[in-house]
Amino acid sequence: MRIRVPELTGFADATVATTIARHVAARPDCPAIVTLRNVVTYGALGKQITTFGAGLRSNDLTCS
């Protein structure tokens, strides 16, 4: 059984990275991760991802 969600049709070929990047750009103040003690917005998540990626690159940990 296949369920179609019209809002997600444009994401059929998207990766997790591009989907998150789209959300960071479109809705930076909206919740991305919600726990009992914390809410991380897409903007904050984007900054964390950028910082993590920079750390990997500075230690020469890149895709081969």
N, C-alpha and C. Protein backbone atom coordinates (compact mmCIF):
# COMPACT_ATOMS: atom_id res chain seq x y z
N MET A 1 0.84 -1.17 0.00
CA MET A 1 0.00 0.00 0.00
C MET A 1 0.89 1.24 0.00
N ARG A 2 0.58 2.17 -0.85
CA ARG A 2 1.34 3.39 -0.97
C ARG A 2 0.50 4.57 -0.51
N ILE A 3 1.05 5.36 0.38
CA ILE A 3 0.36 6.54 0.87
C ILE A 3 1.02 7.77 0.28
N ARG A 4 0.23 8.64 -0.31
CA ARG A 4 0.77 9.86 -0.90
C ARG A 4 0.47 11.05 0.00
N VAL A 5 1.49 11.83 0.23
CA VAL A 5 1.35 13.05 1.02
C VAL A 5 1.73 14.21 0.10
N PRO A 6 0.74 14.98 -0.38
CA PRO A 6 1.00 16.03 -1.37
C PRO A 6 2.11 17.01 -0.96
N GLU A 7 2.21 17.36 0.33
CA GLU A 7 3.21 18.32 0.77
C GLU A 7 4.63 17.80 0.60
N LEU A 8 4.79 16.48 0.51
CA LEU A 8 6.12 15.89 0.44
C LEU A 8 6.50 15.46 -0.97
N THR A 9 5.67 15.70 -1.94
CA THR A 9 5.92 15.25 -3.30
C THR A 9 7.23 15.80 -3.84
N GLY A 10 7.53 17.05 -3.56
CA GLY A 10 8.76 17.66 -4.06
C GLY A 10 10.02 17.11 -3.43
N PHE A 11 9.89 16.29 -2.41
CA PHE A 11 11.05 15.75 -1.72
C PHE A 11 11.38 14.32 -2.15
N ALA A 12 10.74 13.83 -3.17
CA ALA A 12 10.89 12.43 -3.56
C ALA A 12 12.35 12.05 -3.81
N ASP A 13 13.13 12.94 -4.43
CA ASP A 13 14.52 12.64 -4.75
C ASP A 13 15.49 13.34 -3.80
N ALA A 14 15.00 13.93 -2.74
CA ALA A 14 15.84 14.69 -1.83
C ALA A 14 16.57 13.78 -0.85
N THR A 15 17.74 14.24 -0.43
CA THR A 15 18.47 13.54 0.62
C THR A 15 18.06 14.14 1.96
N VAL A 16 18.47 13.50 3.03
CA VAL A 16 18.20 14.06 4.35
C VAL A 16 18.85 15.43 4.47
N ALA A 17 20.07 15.55 3.97
CA ALA A 17 20.80 16.83 4.05
C ALA A 17 20.08 17.94 3.31
N THR A 18 19.59 17.68 2.10
CA THR A 18 18.91 18.74 1.35
C THR A 18 17.56 19.07 1.97
N THR A 19 16.90 18.08 2.53
CA THR A 19 15.61 18.33 3.19
C THR A 19 15.81 19.22 4.42
N ILE A 20 16.81 18.92 5.23
CA ILE A 20 17.09 19.76 6.39
C ILE A 20 17.49 21.16 5.94
N ALA A 21 18.34 21.26 4.92
CA ALA A 21 18.77 22.58 4.42
C ALA A 21 17.58 23.40 3.94
N ARG A 22 16.63 22.78 3.29
CA ARG A 22 15.42 23.50 2.85
C ARG A 22 14.63 24.02 4.04
N HIS A 23 14.51 23.22 5.07
CA HIS A 23 13.77 23.64 6.27
C HIS A 23 14.52 24.75 7.01
N VAL A 24 15.85 24.65 7.07
CA VAL A 24 16.65 25.70 7.72
C VAL A 24 16.41 27.03 7.02
N ALA A 25 16.39 27.02 5.70
CA ALA A 25 16.20 28.25 4.92
C ALA A 25 14.77 28.77 5.00
N ALA A 26 13.81 27.87 4.96
CA ALA A 26 12.40 28.28 4.88
C ALA A 26 11.77 28.59 6.23
N ARG A 27 12.20 27.92 7.28
CA ARG A 27 11.55 28.08 8.58
C ARG A 27 12.55 27.95 9.73
N PRO A 28 13.51 28.88 9.79
CA PRO A 28 14.57 28.78 10.80
C PRO A 28 14.08 28.86 12.25
N ASP A 29 12.93 29.47 12.49
CA ASP A 29 12.44 29.62 13.86
C ASP A 29 11.49 28.51 14.29
N CYS A 30 11.20 27.57 13.41
CA CYS A 30 10.29 26.47 13.74
C CYS A 30 11.04 25.33 14.43
N PRO A 31 10.35 24.58 15.28
CA PRO A 31 11.00 23.46 15.98
C PRO A 31 11.42 22.35 15.01
N ALA A 32 12.66 21.89 15.19
CA ALA A 32 13.17 20.77 14.40
C ALA A 32 13.25 19.52 15.27
N ILE A 33 13.72 19.70 16.51
CA ILE A 33 13.86 18.60 17.45
C ILE A 33 13.23 19.04 18.77
N VAL A 34 12.31 18.23 19.27
CA VAL A 34 11.63 18.56 20.51
C VAL A 34 11.79 17.39 21.48
N THR A 35 12.30 17.71 22.67
CA THR A 35 12.40 16.72 23.73
C THR A 35 11.63 17.25 24.94
N LEU A 36 11.62 16.50 26.00
CA LEU A 36 10.93 16.96 27.21
C LEU A 36 11.58 18.20 27.80
N ARG A 37 12.89 18.36 27.59
CA ARG A 37 13.62 19.46 28.21
C ARG A 37 14.11 20.53 27.25
N ASN A 38 14.00 20.31 25.96
CA ASN A 38 14.62 21.24 25.02
C ASN A 38 13.89 21.27 23.68
N VAL A 39 13.97 22.41 23.03
CA VAL A 39 13.48 22.55 21.66
C VAL A 39 14.61 23.16 20.84
N VAL A 40 14.96 22.50 19.75
CA VAL A 40 15.99 23.01 18.84
C VAL A 40 15.30 23.45 17.57
N THR A 41 15.49 24.70 17.19
CA THR A 41 14.88 25.20 15.96
C THR A 41 15.70 24.74 14.75
N TYR A 42 15.11 24.86 13.57
CA TYR A 42 15.84 24.52 12.36
C TYR A 42 17.06 25.42 12.19
N GLY A 43 16.95 26.70 12.56
CA GLY A 43 18.10 27.59 12.47
C GLY A 43 19.24 27.14 13.35
N ALA A 44 18.93 26.77 14.59
CA ALA A 44 19.96 26.28 15.52
C ALA A 44 20.53 24.95 15.04
N LEU A 45 19.68 24.08 14.52
CA LEU A 45 20.15 22.81 13.99
C LEU A 45 21.09 23.03 12.82
N GLY A 46 20.75 23.97 11.95
CA GLY A 46 21.61 24.30 10.82
C GLY A 46 22.98 24.78 11.28
N LYS A 47 23.02 25.61 12.32
CA LYS A 47 24.29 26.09 12.85
C LYS A 47 25.10 24.94 13.45
N GLN A 48 24.43 24.03 14.16
CA GLN A 48 25.12 22.88 14.74
C GLN A 48 25.70 21.98 13.66
N ILE A 49 24.95 21.78 12.59
CA ILE A 49 25.42 20.94 11.48
C ILE A 49 26.63 21.59 10.81
N THR A 50 26.55 22.90 10.60
CA THR A 50 27.66 23.63 9.98
C THR A 50 28.92 23.54 10.84
N THR A 51 28.77 23.72 12.14
CA THR A 51 29.91 23.64 13.05
C THR A 51 30.50 22.24 13.07
N PHE A 52 29.65 21.23 13.11
CA PHE A 52 30.11 19.84 13.11
C PHE A 52 30.87 19.53 11.81
N GLY A 53 30.31 19.96 10.69
CA GLY A 53 30.97 19.74 9.39
C GLY A 53 32.32 20.43 9.31
N ALA A 54 32.40 21.65 9.83
CA ALA A 54 33.66 22.39 9.84
C ALA A 54 34.70 21.65 10.68
N GLY A 55 34.27 21.09 11.81
CA GLY A 55 35.18 20.32 12.65
C GLY A 55 35.70 19.08 11.93
N LEU A 56 34.82 18.40 11.22
CA LEU A 56 35.26 17.23 10.45
C LEU A 56 36.27 17.63 9.39
N ARG A 57 35.96 18.71 8.64
CA ARG A 57 36.87 19.15 7.58
C ARG A 57 38.21 19.62 8.13
N SER A 58 38.20 20.29 9.29
CA SER A 58 39.46 20.77 9.85
C SER A 58 40.36 19.63 10.32
N ASN A 59 39.79 18.46 10.51
CA ASN A 59 40.56 17.26 10.88
C ASN A 59 40.74 16.32 9.69
N ASP A 60 40.55 16.89 8.49
CA ASP A 60 40.72 16.14 7.24
C ASP A 60 39.81 14.92 7.13
N LEU A 61 38.64 15.00 7.73
CA LEU A 61 37.66 13.92 7.62
C LEU A 61 36.61 14.34 6.60
N THR A 62 36.86 13.97 5.35
CA THR A 62 35.96 14.33 4.26
C THR A 62 35.56 13.09 3.48
N CYS A 63 34.64 13.25 2.57
CA CYS A 63 34.24 12.15 1.70
C CYS A 63 35.40 11.83 0.76
N SER A 64 35.55 10.58 0.47
CA SER A 64 36.64 10.21 -0.45
C SER A 64 36.09 9.94 -1.82
